């Protein structure tokens, strides 16, 4: 089992072996991440919510590859900016817990949730 630190190192080594840090500004990496996220979304663009939960093994593998690309770019940004992803994520989740208390948002996706079942 790899740790997040291990994965960051894998990404850093890959980049360093190719001398790509010169191209890996946070600006460029964030754009690349957005492009890969778009490629991930393409797999779900014209299918129903239910179908998106029942992918074939091949579809799951393709989605997994796109998700890996997104994650690689996210880790490359963290490497470039020397961000501690673990503590940053934990802090963000604390903010999310305060912003969206479970007792108020259970079964709802937002403050203006039009879902009558959540009222």
PDB file of N, CA and C in Angstrom:
ATOM      1  N   UNK A   1       0.847  -1.176   0.000  1.00  0.00           N
ATOM      2  CA  UNK A   1       0.000   0.000   0.000  1.00  0.00           C
ATOM      3  C   UNK A   1       0.898   1.246   0.000  1.00  0.00           C
ATOM      4  N   UNK A   2       0.650   2.143  -0.909  1.00  0.00           N
ATOM      5  CA  UNK A   2       1.428   3.374  -1.004  1.00  0.00           C
ATOM      6  C   UNK A   2       0.805   4.471  -0.154  1.00  0.00           C
ATOM      7  N   UNK A   3       1.662   5.310   0.396  1.00  0.00           N
ATOM      8  CA  UNK A   3       1.183   6.475   1.132  1.00  0.00           C
ATOM      9  C   UNK A   3       1.069   7.649   0.162  1.00  0.00           C
ATOM     10  N   UNK A   4       0.418   8.695   0.618  1.00  0.00           N
ATOM     11  CA  UNK A   4       0.317   9.897  -0.191  1.00  0.00           C
ATOM     12  C   UNK A   4       1.711  10.450  -0.488  1.00  0.00           C
ATOM     13  N   UNK A   5       2.580  10.384   0.480  1.00  0.00           N
ATOM     14  CA  UNK A   5       3.958  10.837   0.300  1.00  0.00           C
ATOM     15  C   UNK A   5       4.667  10.019  -0.787  1.00  0.00           C
ATOM     16  N   UNK A   6       4.432   8.708  -0.780  1.00  0.00           N
ATOM     17  CA  UNK A   6       5.010   7.847  -1.823  1.00  0.00           C
ATOM     18  C   UNK A   6       4.534   8.285  -3.205  1.00  0.00           C
ATOM     19  N   UNK A   7       3.240   8.569  -3.318  1.00  0.00           N
ATOM     20  CA  UNK A   7       2.679   8.964  -4.610  1.00  0.00           C
ATOM     21  C   UNK A   7       3.226  10.312  -5.055  1.00  0.00           C
ATOM     22  N   UNK A   8       3.371  11.237  -4.117  1.00  0.00           N
ATOM     23  CA  UNK A   8       3.974  12.527  -4.456  1.00  0.00           C
ATOM     24  C   UNK A   8       5.381  12.323  -4.993  1.00  0.00           C
ATOM     25  N   UNK A   9       6.132  11.430  -4.363  1.00  0.00           N
ATOM     26  CA  UNK A   9       7.498  11.151  -4.813  1.00  0.00           C
ATOM     27  C   UNK A   9       7.518  10.520  -6.202  1.00  0.00           C
ATOM     28  N   UNK A  10       6.579   9.627  -6.483  1.00  0.00           N
ATOM     29  CA  UNK A  10       6.488   9.013  -7.811  1.00  0.00           C
ATOM     30  C   UNK A  10       6.267  10.085  -8.871  1.00  0.00           C
ATOM     31  N   UNK A  11       5.348  11.004  -8.586  1.00  0.00           N
ATOM     32  CA  UNK A  11       5.065  12.095  -9.529  1.00  0.00           C
ATOM     33  C   UNK A  11       6.305  12.980  -9.685  1.00  0.00           C
ATOM     34  N   UNK A  12       6.944  13.331  -8.578  1.00  0.00           N
ATOM     35  CA  UNK A  12       8.128  14.198  -8.626  1.00  0.00           C
ATOM     36  C   UNK A  12       9.256  13.538  -9.421  1.00  0.00           C
ATOM     37  N   UNK A  13       9.475  12.253  -9.199  1.00  0.00           N
ATOM     38  CA  UNK A  13      10.523  11.540  -9.937  1.00  0.00           C
ATOM     39  C   UNK A  13      10.218  11.506 -11.430  1.00  0.00           C
ATOM     40  N   UNK A  14       8.973  11.245 -11.780  1.00  0.00           N
ATOM     41  CA  UNK A  14       8.563  11.212 -13.182  1.00  0.00           C
ATOM     42  C   UNK A  14       8.855  12.557 -13.842  1.00  0.00           C
ATOM     43  N   UNK A  15       8.470  13.634 -13.167  1.00  0.00           N
ATOM     44  CA  UNK A  15       8.680  14.982 -13.695  1.00  0.00           C
ATOM     45  C   UNK A  15      10.178  15.284 -13.807  1.00  0.00           C
ATOM     46  N   UNK A  16      10.925  14.975 -12.748  1.00  0.00           N
ATOM     47  CA  UNK A  16      12.359  15.261 -12.738  1.00  0.00           C
ATOM     48  C   UNK A  16      13.114  14.469 -13.802  1.00  0.00           C
ATOM     49  N   UNK A  17      12.751  13.211 -14.001  1.00  0.00           N
ATOM     50  CA  UNK A  17      13.423  12.386 -15.012  1.00  0.00           C
ATOM     51  C   UNK A  17      13.278  12.966 -16.419  1.00  0.00           C
ATOM     52  N   UNK A  18      12.238  13.738 -16.633  1.00  0.00           N
ATOM     53  CA  UNK A  18      11.964  14.319 -17.954  1.00  0.00           C
ATOM     54  C   UNK A  18      12.305  15.806 -18.030  1.00  0.00           C
ATOM     55  N   UNK A  19      12.811  16.352 -16.930  1.00  0.00           N
ATOM     56  CA  UNK A  19      13.136  17.775 -16.846  1.00  0.00           C
ATOM     57  C   UNK A  19      11.928  18.630 -17.208  1.00  0.00           C
ATOM     58  N   UNK A  20      10.781  18.289 -16.629  1.00  0.00           N
ATOM     59  CA  UNK A  20       9.536  18.993 -16.927  1.00  0.00           C
ATOM     60  C   UNK A  20       9.193  20.071 -15.917  1.00  0.00           C
ATOM     61  N   UNK A  21       9.954  20.197 -14.833  1.00  0.00           N
ATOM     62  CA  UNK A  21       9.611  21.236 -13.839  1.00  0.00           C
ATOM     63  C   UNK A  21       9.600  22.617 -14.467  1.00  0.00           C
ATOM     64  N   UNK A  22      10.421  22.797 -15.490  1.00  0.00           N
ATOM     65  CA  UNK A  22      10.457  24.095 -16.165  1.00  0.00           C
ATOM     66  C   UNK A  22       9.104  24.466 -16.766  1.00  0.00           C
ATOM     67  N   UNK A  23       8.282  23.466 -17.057  1.00  0.00           N
ATOM     68  CA  UNK A  23       6.958  23.701 -17.633  1.00  0.00           C
ATOM     69  C   UNK A  23       5.846  23.654 -16.581  1.00  0.00           C
ATOM     70  N   UNK A  24       6.192  23.196 -15.388  1.00  0.00           N
ATOM     71  CA  UNK A  24       5.184  22.899 -14.372  1.00  0.00           C
ATOM     72  C   UNK A  24       4.938  24.064 -13.423  1.00  0.00           C
ATOM     73  N   UNK A  25       4.582  25.198 -13.972  1.00  0.00           N
ATOM     74  CA  UNK A  25       4.159  26.303 -13.122  1.00  0.00           C
ATOM     75  C   UNK A  25       2.777  25.952 -12.560  1.00  0.00           C
ATOM     76  N   UNK A  26       2.429  26.503 -11.414  1.00  0.00           N
ATOM     77  CA  UNK A  26       1.077  26.253 -10.899  1.00  0.00           C
ATOM     78  C   UNK A  26       0.001  26.620 -11.923  1.00  0.00           C
ATOM     79  N   UNK A  27       0.218  27.670 -12.687  1.00  0.00           N
ATOM     80  CA  UNK A  27      -0.737  28.080 -13.720  1.00  0.00           C
ATOM     81  C   UNK A  27      -0.925  26.957 -14.746  1.00  0.00           C
ATOM     82  N   UNK A  28       0.168  26.459 -15.280  1.00  0.00           N
ATOM     83  CA  UNK A  28       0.078  25.410 -16.305  1.00  0.00           C
ATOM     84  C   UNK A  28      -0.504  24.118 -15.737  1.00  0.00           C
ATOM     85  N   UNK A  29      -0.072  23.771 -14.531  1.00  0.00           N
ATOM     86  CA  UNK A  29      -0.572  22.541 -13.922  1.00  0.00           C
ATOM     87  C   UNK A  29      -2.063  22.622 -13.622  1.00  0.00           C
ATOM     88  N   UNK A  30      -2.529  23.782 -13.165  1.00  0.00           N
ATOM     89  CA  UNK A  30      -3.962  23.904 -12.874  1.00  0.00           C
ATOM     90  C   UNK A  30      -4.782  23.799 -14.155  1.00  0.00           C
ATOM     91  N   UNK A  31      -4.267  24.333 -15.249  1.00  0.00           N
ATOM     92  CA  UNK A  31      -4.977  24.202 -16.531  1.00  0.00           C
ATOM     93  C   UNK A  31      -4.986  22.749 -16.987  1.00  0.00           C
ATOM     94  N   UNK A  32      -3.851  22.065 -16.846  1.00  0.00           N
ATOM     95  CA  UNK A  32      -3.786  20.658 -17.233  1.00  0.00           C
ATOM     96  C   UNK A  32      -4.749  19.824 -16.391  1.00  0.00           C
ATOM     97  N   UNK A  33      -4.834  20.142 -15.095  1.00  0.00           N
ATOM     98  CA  UNK A  33      -5.767  19.427 -14.215  1.00  0.00           C
ATOM     99  C   UNK A  33      -7.204  19.633 -14.689  1.00  0.00           C
ATOM    100  N   UNK A  34      -7.548  20.863 -15.043  1.00  0.00           N
ATOM    101  CA  UNK A  34      -8.912  21.152 -15.511  1.00  0.00           C
ATOM    102  C   UNK A  34      -9.207  20.400 -16.808  1.00  0.00           C
ATOM    103  N   UNK A  35      -8.245  20.317 -17.685  1.00  0.00           N
ATOM    104  CA  UNK A  35      -8.430  19.585 -18.945  1.00  0.00           C
ATOM    105  C   UNK A  35      -8.668  18.109 -18.657  1.00  0.00           C
ATOM    106  N   UNK A  36      -7.870  17.538 -17.766  1.00  0.00           N
ATOM    107  CA  UNK A  36      -8.050  16.127 -17.413  1.00  0.00           C
ATOM    108  C   UNK A  36      -9.386  15.900 -16.716  1.00  0.00           C
ATOM    109  N   UNK A  37      -9.824  16.847 -15.885  1.00  0.00           N
ATOM    110  CA  UNK A  37     -11.134  16.725 -15.249  1.00  0.00           C
ATOM    111  C   UNK A  37     -12.227  16.727 -16.306  1.00  0.00           C
ATOM    112  N   UNK A  38     -12.057  17.528 -17.347  1.00  0.00           N
ATOM    113  CA  UNK A  38     -13.007  17.530 -18.462  1.00  0.00           C
ATOM    114  C   UNK A  38     -13.030  16.178 -19.168  1.00  0.00           C
ATOM    115  N   UNK A  39     -11.862  15.586 -19.334  1.00  0.00           N
ATOM    116  CA  UNK A  39     -11.812  14.260 -19.963  1.00  0.00           C
ATOM    117  C   UNK A  39     -12.493  13.218 -19.086  1.00  0.00           C
ATOM    118  N   UNK A  40     -12.374  13.373 -17.781  1.00  0.00           N
ATOM    119  CA  UNK A  40     -13.088  12.487 -16.858  1.00  0.00           C
ATOM    120  C   UNK A  40     -14.591  12.658 -17.015  1.00  0.00           C
ATOM    121  N   UNK A  41     -15.042  13.903 -17.107  1.00  0.00           N
ATOM    122  CA  UNK A  41     -16.481  14.178 -17.245  1.00  0.00           C
ATOM    123  C   UNK A  41     -17.047  13.634 -18.555  1.00  0.00           C
ATOM    124  N   UNK A  42     -16.236  13.569 -19.596  1.00  0.00           N
ATOM    125  CA  UNK A  42     -16.716  13.055 -20.880  1.00  0.00           C
ATOM    126  C   UNK A  42     -17.294  11.650 -20.759  1.00  0.00           C
ATOM    127  N   UNK A  43     -16.765  10.870 -19.836  1.00  0.00           N
ATOM    128  CA  UNK A  43     -17.243   9.493 -19.670  1.00  0.00           C
ATOM    129  C   UNK A  43     -18.675   9.441 -19.142  1.00  0.00           C
ATOM    130  N   UNK A  44     -19.141  10.521 -18.552  1.00  0.00           N
ATOM    131  CA  UNK A  44     -20.459  10.558 -17.935  1.00  0.00           C
ATOM    132  C   UNK A  44     -21.428  11.512 -18.627  1.00  0.00           C
ATOM    133  N   UNK A  45     -20.957  12.179 -19.657  1.00  0.00           N
ATOM    134  CA  UNK A  45     -21.691  13.295 -20.257  1.00  0.00           C
ATOM    135  C   UNK A  45     -23.104  12.949 -20.704  1.00  0.00           C
ATOM    136  N   UNK A  46     -23.308  11.857 -21.366  1.00  0.00           N
ATOM    137  CA  UNK A  46     -24.616  11.570 -21.954  1.00  0.00           C
ATOM    138  C   UNK A  46     -25.283  10.345 -21.351  1.00  0.00           C
ATOM    139  N   UNK A  47     -24.903  10.006 -20.139  1.00  0.00           N
ATOM    140  CA  UNK A  47     -25.548   8.852 -19.497  1.00  0.00           C
ATOM    141  C   UNK A  47     -26.294   9.322 -18.247  1.00  0.00           C
ATOM    142  N   UNK A  48     -27.206   8.498 -17.790  1.00  0.00           N
ATOM    143  CA  UNK A  48     -28.009   8.848 -16.621  1.00  0.00           C
ATOM    144  C   UNK A  48     -27.184   8.721 -15.338  1.00  0.00           C
ATOM    145  N   UNK A  49     -27.724   9.291 -14.283  1.00  0.00           N
ATOM    146  CA  UNK A  49     -27.083   9.169 -12.972  1.00  0.00           C
ATOM    147  C   UNK A  49     -26.929   7.705 -12.595  1.00  0.00           C
ATOM    148  N   UNK A  50     -27.983   6.933 -12.812  1.00  0.00           N
ATOM    149  CA  UNK A  50     -27.934   5.512 -12.464  1.00  0.00           C
ATOM    150  C   UNK A  50     -26.900   4.777 -13.305  1.00  0.00           C
ATOM    151  N   UNK A  51     -26.850   5.063 -14.606  1.00  0.00           N
ATOM    152  CA  UNK A  51     -25.865   4.402 -15.475  1.00  0.00           C
ATOM    153  C   UNK A  51     -24.438   4.755 -15.046  1.00  0.00           C
ATOM    154  N   UNK A  52     -24.255   5.955 -14.509  1.00  0.00           N
ATOM    155  CA  UNK A  52     -22.917   6.357 -14.076  1.00  0.00           C
ATOM    156  C   UNK A  52     -22.438   5.539 -12.882  1.00  0.00           C
ATOM    157  N   UNK A  53     -23.381   4.882 -12.207  1.00  0.00           N
ATOM    158  CA  UNK A  53     -23.028   4.027 -11.065  1.00  0.00           C
ATOM    159  C   UNK A  53     -22.848   2.566 -11.475  1.00  0.00           C
ATOM    160  N   UNK A  54     -23.166   2.240 -12.711  1.00  0.00           N
ATOM    161  CA  UNK A  54     -23.091   0.852 -13.179  1.00  0.00           C
ATOM    162  C   UNK A  54     -22.193   0.735 -14.405  1.00  0.00           C
ATOM    163  N   UNK A  55     -20.973   1.156 -14.293  1.00  0.00           N
ATOM    164  CA  UNK A  55     -20.044   1.109 -15.414  1.00  0.00           C
ATOM    165  C   UNK A  55     -19.541  -0.319 -15.623  1.00  0.00           C
ATOM    166  N   UNK A  56     -19.222  -0.623 -16.868  1.00  0.00           N
ATOM    167  CA  UNK A  56     -18.582  -1.899 -17.157  1.00  0.00           C
ATOM    168  C   UNK A  56     -17.154  -1.861 -16.622  1.00  0.00           C
ATOM    169  N   UNK A  57     -16.508  -3.002 -16.571  1.00  0.00           N
ATOM    170  CA  UNK A  57     -15.120  -3.046 -16.103  1.00  0.00           C
ATOM    171  C   UNK A  57     -14.221  -2.174 -16.984  1.00  0.00           C
ATOM    172  N   UNK A  58     -14.421  -2.229 -18.296  1.00  0.00           N
ATOM    173  CA  UNK A  58     -13.615  -1.410 -19.204  1.00  0.00           C
ATOM    174  C   UNK A  58     -13.863   0.078 -18.954  1.00  0.00           C
ATOM    175  N   UNK A  59     -15.130   0.456 -18.768  1.00  0.00           N
ATOM    176  CA  UNK A  59     -15.446   1.856 -18.487  1.00  0.00           C
ATOM    177  C   UNK A  59     -14.811   2.305 -17.171  1.00  0.00           C
ATOM    178  N   UNK A  60     -14.855   1.433 -16.168  1.00  0.00           N
ATOM    179  CA  UNK A  60     -14.243   1.751 -14.874  1.00  0.00           C
ATOM    180  C   UNK A  60     -12.741   1.956 -15.022  1.00  0.00           C
ATOM    181  N   UNK A  61     -12.102   1.131 -15.837  1.00  0.00           N
ATOM    182  CA  UNK A  61     -10.664   1.280 -16.057  1.00  0.00           C
ATOM    183  C   UNK A  61     -10.356   2.602 -16.754  1.00  0.00           C
ATOM    184  N   UNK A  62     -11.173   2.950 -17.756  1.00  0.00           N
ATOM    185  CA  UNK A  62     -10.968   4.215 -18.470  1.00  0.00           C
ATOM    186  C   UNK A  62     -11.188   5.411 -17.544  1.00  0.00           C
ATOM    187  N   UNK A  63     -12.234   5.353 -16.738  1.00  0.00           N
ATOM    188  CA  UNK A  63     -12.498   6.418 -15.776  1.00  0.00           C
ATOM    189  C   UNK A  63     -11.353   6.485 -14.762  1.00  0.00           C
ATOM    190  N   UNK A  64     -10.872   5.330 -14.332  1.00  0.00           N
ATOM    191  CA  UNK A  64      -9.754   5.281 -13.390  1.00  0.00           C
ATOM    192  C   UNK A  64      -8.507   5.945 -13.946  1.00  0.00           C
ATOM    193  N   UNK A  65      -8.240   5.744 -15.235  1.00  0.00           N
ATOM    194  CA  UNK A  65      -7.075   6.382 -15.849  1.00  0.00           C
ATOM    195  C   UNK A  65      -7.223   7.897 -15.864  1.00  0.00           C
ATOM    196  N   UNK A  66      -8.417   8.380 -16.172  1.00  0.00           N
ATOM    197  CA  UNK A  66      -8.642   9.831 -16.171  1.00  0.00           C
ATOM    198  C   UNK A  66      -8.530  10.384 -14.752  1.00  0.00           C
ATOM    199  N   UNK A  67      -9.071   9.659 -13.788  1.00  0.00           N
ATOM    200  CA  UNK A  67      -8.975  10.083 -12.394  1.00  0.00           C
ATOM    201  C   UNK A  67      -7.516  10.110 -11.947  1.00  0.00           C
ATOM    202  N   UNK A  68      -6.731   9.132 -12.384  1.00  0.00           N
ATOM    203  CA  UNK A  68      -5.305   9.112 -12.063  1.00  0.00           C
ATOM    204  C   UNK A  68      -4.606  10.329 -12.651  1.00  0.00           C
ATOM    205  N   UNK A  69      -4.977  10.714 -13.879  1.00  0.00           N
ATOM    206  CA  UNK A  69      -4.388  11.919 -14.482  1.00  0.00           C
ATOM    207  C   UNK A  69      -4.705  13.155 -13.633  1.00  0.00           C
ATOM    208  N   UNK A  70      -5.966  13.272 -13.206  1.00  0.00           N
ATOM    209  CA  UNK A  70      -6.367  14.406 -12.365  1.00  0.00           C
ATOM    210  C   UNK A  70      -5.537  14.402 -11.081  1.00  0.00           C
ATOM    211  N   UNK A  71      -5.420  13.248 -10.469  1.00  0.00           N
ATOM    212  CA  UNK A  71      -4.697  13.129  -9.209  1.00  0.00           C
ATOM    213  C   UNK A  71      -3.216  13.437  -9.392  1.00  0.00           C
ATOM    214  N   UNK A  72      -2.636  12.976 -10.504  1.00  0.00           N
ATOM    215  CA  UNK A  72      -1.218  13.274 -10.778  1.00  0.00           C
ATOM    216  C   UNK A  72      -0.980  14.774 -10.869  1.00  0.00           C
ATOM    217  N   UNK A  73      -1.858  15.465 -11.585  1.00  0.00           N
ATOM    218  CA  UNK A  73      -1.693  16.919 -11.692  1.00  0.00           C
ATOM    219  C   UNK A  73      -1.925  17.604 -10.349  1.00  0.00           C
ATOM    220  N   UNK A  74      -2.867  17.117  -9.565  1.00  0.00           N
ATOM    221  CA  UNK A  74      -3.088  17.690  -8.234  1.00  0.00           C
ATOM    222  C   UNK A  74      -1.835  17.514  -7.372  1.00  0.00           C
ATOM    223  N   UNK A  75      -1.230  16.336  -7.439  1.00  0.00           N
ATOM    224  CA  UNK A  75      -0.009  16.106  -6.676  1.00  0.00           C
ATOM    225  C   UNK A  75       1.152  16.939  -7.211  1.00  0.00           C
ATOM    226  N   UNK A  76       1.211  17.128  -8.524  1.00  0.00           N
ATOM    227  CA  UNK A  76       2.262  17.967  -9.106  1.00  0.00           C
ATOM    228  C   UNK A  76       2.124  19.409  -8.627  1.00  0.00           C
ATOM    229  N   UNK A  77       0.884  19.900  -8.511  1.00  0.00           N
ATOM    230  CA  UNK A  77       0.667  21.250  -7.976  1.00  0.00           C
ATOM    231  C   UNK A  77       1.125  21.308  -6.517  1.00  0.00           C
ATOM    232  N   UNK A  78       0.754  20.299  -5.752  1.00  0.00           N
ATOM    233  CA  UNK A  78       1.174  20.252  -4.346  1.00  0.00           C
ATOM    234  C   UNK A  78       2.699  20.234  -4.250  1.00  0.00           C
ATOM    235  N   UNK A  79       3.352  19.466  -5.111  1.00  0.00           N
ATOM    236  CA  UNK A  79       4.811  19.422  -5.112  1.00  0.00           C
ATOM    237  C   UNK A  79       5.390  20.786  -5.458  1.00  0.00           C
ATOM    238  N   UNK A  80       4.860  21.399  -6.486  1.00  0.00           N
ATOM    239  CA  UNK A  80       5.382  22.678  -6.955  1.00  0.00           C
ATOM    240  C   UNK A  80       5.229  23.771  -5.897  1.00  0.00           C
ATOM    241  N   UNK A  81       4.108  23.759  -5.177  1.00  0.00           N
ATOM    242  CA  UNK A  81       3.840  24.786  -4.164  1.00  0.00           C
ATOM    243  C   UNK A  81       4.222  24.351  -2.753  1.00  0.00           C
ATOM    244  N   UNK A  82       4.783  23.141  -2.649  1.00  0.00           N
ATOM    245  CA  UNK A  82       5.191  22.583  -1.358  1.00  0.00           C
ATOM    246  C   UNK A  82       4.046  22.611  -0.350  1.00  0.00           C
ATOM    247  N   UNK A  83       2.891  22.143  -0.806  1.00  0.00           N
ATOM    248  CA  UNK A  83       1.706  22.059   0.061  1.00  0.00           C
ATOM    249  C   UNK A  83       1.643  20.684   0.710  1.00  0.00           C
ATOM    250  N   UNK A  84       1.300  20.646   1.977  1.00  0.00           N
ATOM    251  CA  UNK A  84       1.048  19.387   2.663  1.00  0.00           C
ATOM    252  C   UNK A  84      -0.409  19.025   2.385  1.00  0.00           C
ATOM    253  N   UNK A  85      -0.603  18.095   1.467  1.00  0.00           N
ATOM    254  CA  UNK A  85      -1.946  17.750   1.015  1.00  0.00           C
ATOM    255  C   UNK A  85      -2.799  17.208   2.165  1.00  0.00           C
ATOM    256  N   UNK A  86      -2.217  16.399   3.015  1.00  0.00           N
ATOM    257  CA  UNK A  86      -2.983  15.804   4.104  1.00  0.00           C
ATOM    258  C   UNK A  86      -3.534  16.872   5.045  1.00  0.00           C
ATOM    259  N   UNK A  87      -2.682  17.751   5.536  1.00  0.00           N
ATOM    260  CA  UNK A  87      -3.174  18.765   6.477  1.00  0.00           C
ATOM    261  C   UNK A  87      -4.105  19.754   5.777  1.00  0.00           C
ATOM    262  N   UNK A  88      -3.819  20.068   4.512  1.00  0.00           N
ATOM    263  CA  UNK A  88      -4.682  20.978   3.766  1.00  0.00           C
ATOM    264  C   UNK A  88      -6.076  20.379   3.595  1.00  0.00           C
ATOM    265  N   UNK A  89      -6.138  19.103   3.256  1.00  0.00           N
ATOM    266  CA  UNK A  89      -7.432  18.436   3.081  1.00  0.00           C
ATOM    267  C   UNK A  89      -8.176  18.345   4.407  1.00  0.00           C
ATOM    268  N   UNK A  90      -7.475  18.004   5.468  1.00  0.00           N
ATOM    269  CA  UNK A  90      -8.136  17.902   6.773  1.00  0.00           C
ATOM    270  C   UNK A  90      -8.689  19.251   7.227  1.00  0.00           C
ATOM    271  N   UNK A  91      -7.942  20.320   7.011  1.00  0.00           N
ATOM    272  CA  UNK A  91      -8.436  21.663   7.351  1.00  0.00           C
ATOM    273  C   UNK A  91      -9.670  22.014   6.525  1.00  0.00           C
ATOM    274  N   UNK A  92      -9.633  21.693   5.244  1.00  0.00           N
ATOM    275  CA  UNK A  92     -10.772  21.983   4.367  1.00  0.00           C
ATOM    276  C   UNK A  92     -12.000  21.196   4.805  1.00  0.00           C
ATOM    277  N   UNK A  93     -11.823  19.942   5.190  1.00  0.00           N
ATOM    278  CA  UNK A  93     -12.959  19.141   5.647  1.00  0.00           C
ATOM    279  C   UNK A  93     -13.547  19.710   6.936  1.00  0.00           C
ATOM    280  N   UNK A  94     -12.710  20.272   7.805  1.00  0.00           N
ATOM    281  CA  UNK A  94     -13.239  20.929   9.008  1.00  0.00           C
ATOM    282  C   UNK A  94     -14.102  22.117   8.622  1.00  0.00           C
ATOM    283  N   UNK A  95     -13.637  22.913   7.659  1.00  0.00           N
ATOM    284  CA  UNK A  95     -14.432  24.049   7.180  1.00  0.00           C
ATOM    285  C   UNK A  95     -15.742  23.557   6.576  1.00  0.00           C
ATOM    286  N   UNK A  96     -15.683  22.475   5.797  1.00  0.00           N
ATOM    287  CA  UNK A  96     -16.892  21.920   5.185  1.00  0.00           C
ATOM    288  C   UNK A  96     -17.873  21.432   6.246  1.00  0.00           C
ATOM    289  N   UNK A  97     -17.361  20.798   7.306  1.00  0.00           N
ATOM    290  CA  UNK A  97     -18.237  20.338   8.388  1.00  0.00           C
ATOM    291  C   UNK A  97     -18.958  21.511   9.049  1.00  0.00           C
ATOM    292  N   UNK A  98     -18.236  22.616   9.239  1.00  0.00           N
ATOM    293  CA  UNK A  98     -18.846  23.803   9.851  1.00  0.00           C
ATOM    294  C   UNK A  98     -19.854  24.444   8.894  1.00  0.00           C
ATOM    295  N   UNK A  99     -19.526  24.465   7.618  1.00  0.00           N
ATOM    296  CA  UNK A  99     -20.393  25.100   6.626  1.00  0.00           C
ATOM    297  C   UNK A  99     -21.634  24.265   6.326  1.00  0.00           C
ATOM    298  N   UNK A 100     -21.486  22.948   6.374  1.00  0.00           N
ATOM    299  CA  UNK A 100     -22.586  22.029   6.048  1.00  0.00           C
ATOM    300  C   UNK A 100     -22.794  21.037   7.198  1.00  0.00           C
ATOM    301  N   UNK A 101     -23.358  21.483   8.310  1.00  0.00           N
ATOM    302  CA  UNK A 101     -23.580  20.565   9.439  1.00  0.00           C
ATOM    303  C   UNK A 101     -24.458  19.384   9.008  1.00  0.00           C
ATOM    304  N   UNK A 102     -24.061  18.198   9.424  1.00  0.00           N
ATOM    305  CA  UNK A 102     -24.762  16.981   9.009  1.00  0.00           C
ATOM    306  C   UNK A 102     -26.237  17.018   9.388  1.00  0.00           C
ATOM    307  N   UNK A 103     -26.554  17.553  10.547  1.00  0.00           N
ATOM    308  CA  UNK A 103     -27.960  17.559  10.977  1.00  0.00           C
ATOM    309  C   UNK A 103     -28.825  18.469  10.115  1.00  0.00           C
ATOM    310  N   UNK A 104     -28.213  19.445   9.425  1.00  0.00           N
ATOM    311  CA  UNK A 104     -28.971  20.336   8.548  1.00  0.00           C
ATOM    312  C   UNK A 104     -28.950  19.893   7.090  1.00  0.00           C
ATOM    313  N   UNK A 105     -27.929  19.171   6.699  1.00  0.00           N
ATOM    314  CA  UNK A 105     -27.743  18.855   5.275  1.00  0.00           C
ATOM    315  C   UNK A 105     -27.881  17.375   4.944  1.00  0.00           C
ATOM    316  N   UNK A 106     -28.220  16.548   5.902  1.00  0.00           N
ATOM    317  CA  UNK A 106     -28.368  15.114   5.626  1.00  0.00           C
ATOM    318  C   UNK A 106     -29.420  14.904   4.540  1.00  0.00           C
ATOM    319  N   UNK A 107     -29.012  14.280   3.435  1.00  0.00           N
ATOM    320  CA  UNK A 107     -29.928  14.015   2.329  1.00  0.00           C
ATOM    321  C   UNK A 107     -30.181  15.203   1.423  1.00  0.00           C
ATOM    322  N   UNK A 108     -29.512  16.311   1.665  1.00  0.00           N
ATOM    323  CA  UNK A 108     -29.669  17.526   0.848  1.00  0.00           C
ATOM    324  C   UNK A 108     -28.316  17.880   0.254  1.00  0.00           C
ATOM    325  N   UNK A 109     -28.318  18.543  -0.888  1.00  0.00           N
ATOM    326  CA  UNK A 109     -27.038  18.896  -1.499  1.00  0.00           C
ATOM    327  C   UNK A 109     -26.719  20.372  -1.411  1.00  0.00           C
ATOM    328  N   UNK A 110     -27.565  21.164  -0.837  1.00  0.00           N
ATOM    329  CA  UNK A 110     -27.259  22.581  -0.705  1.00  0.00           C
ATOM    330  C   UNK A 110     -28.376  23.355  -0.047  1.00  0.00           C
ATOM    331  N   UNK A 111     -28.096  24.619   0.237  1.00  0.00           N
ATOM    332  CA  UNK A 111     -29.060  25.470   0.930  1.00  0.00           C
ATOM    333  C   UNK A 111     -30.335  25.687   0.131  1.00  0.00           C
ATOM    334  N   UNK A 112     -30.235  25.717  -1.177  1.00  0.00           N
ATOM    335  CA  UNK A 112     -31.400  25.933  -2.028  1.00  0.00           C
ATOM    336  C   UNK A 112     -31.864  24.634  -2.688  1.00  0.00           C
ATOM    337  N   UNK A 113     -31.716  23.555  -1.985  1.00  0.00           N
ATOM    338  CA  UNK A 113     -32.053  22.225  -2.502  1.00  0.00           C
ATOM    339  C   UNK A 113     -33.526  22.173  -2.876  1.00  0.00           C
ATOM    340  N   UNK A 114     -33.830  21.979  -4.184  1.00  0.00           N
ATOM    341  CA  UNK A 114     -35.228  21.915  -4.602  1.00  0.00           C
ATOM    342  C   UNK A 114     -35.873  20.553  -4.333  1.00  0.00           C
ATOM    343  N   UNK A 115     -35.122  19.636  -3.753  1.00  0.00           N
ATOM    344  CA  UNK A 115     -35.632  18.291  -3.514  1.00  0.00           C
ATOM    345  C   UNK A 115     -36.665  18.328  -2.395  1.00  0.00           C
ATOM    346  N   UNK A 116     -37.949  18.103  -2.717  1.00  0.00           N
ATOM    347  CA  UNK A 116     -38.997  18.191  -1.679  1.00  0.00           C
ATOM    348  C   UNK A 116     -38.833  17.148  -0.586  1.00  0.00           C
ATOM    349  N   UNK A 117     -38.159  16.044  -0.889  1.00  0.00           N
ATOM    350  CA  UNK A 117     -37.970  15.010   0.119  1.00  0.00           C
ATOM    351  C   UNK A 117     -37.070  15.491   1.244  1.00  0.00           C
ATOM    352  N   UNK A 118     -36.276  16.528   0.987  1.00  0.00           N
ATOM    353  CA  UNK A 118     -35.355  16.998   2.012  1.00  0.00           C
ATOM    354  C   UNK A 118     -35.962  18.089   2.878  1.00  0.00           C
ATOM    355  N   UNK A 119     -37.182  18.507   2.585  1.00  0.00           N
ATOM    356  CA  UNK A 119     -37.804  19.601   3.354  1.00  0.00           C
ATOM    357  C   UNK A 119     -38.462  19.089   4.611  1.00  0.00           C
TER     358      UNK A 119
END
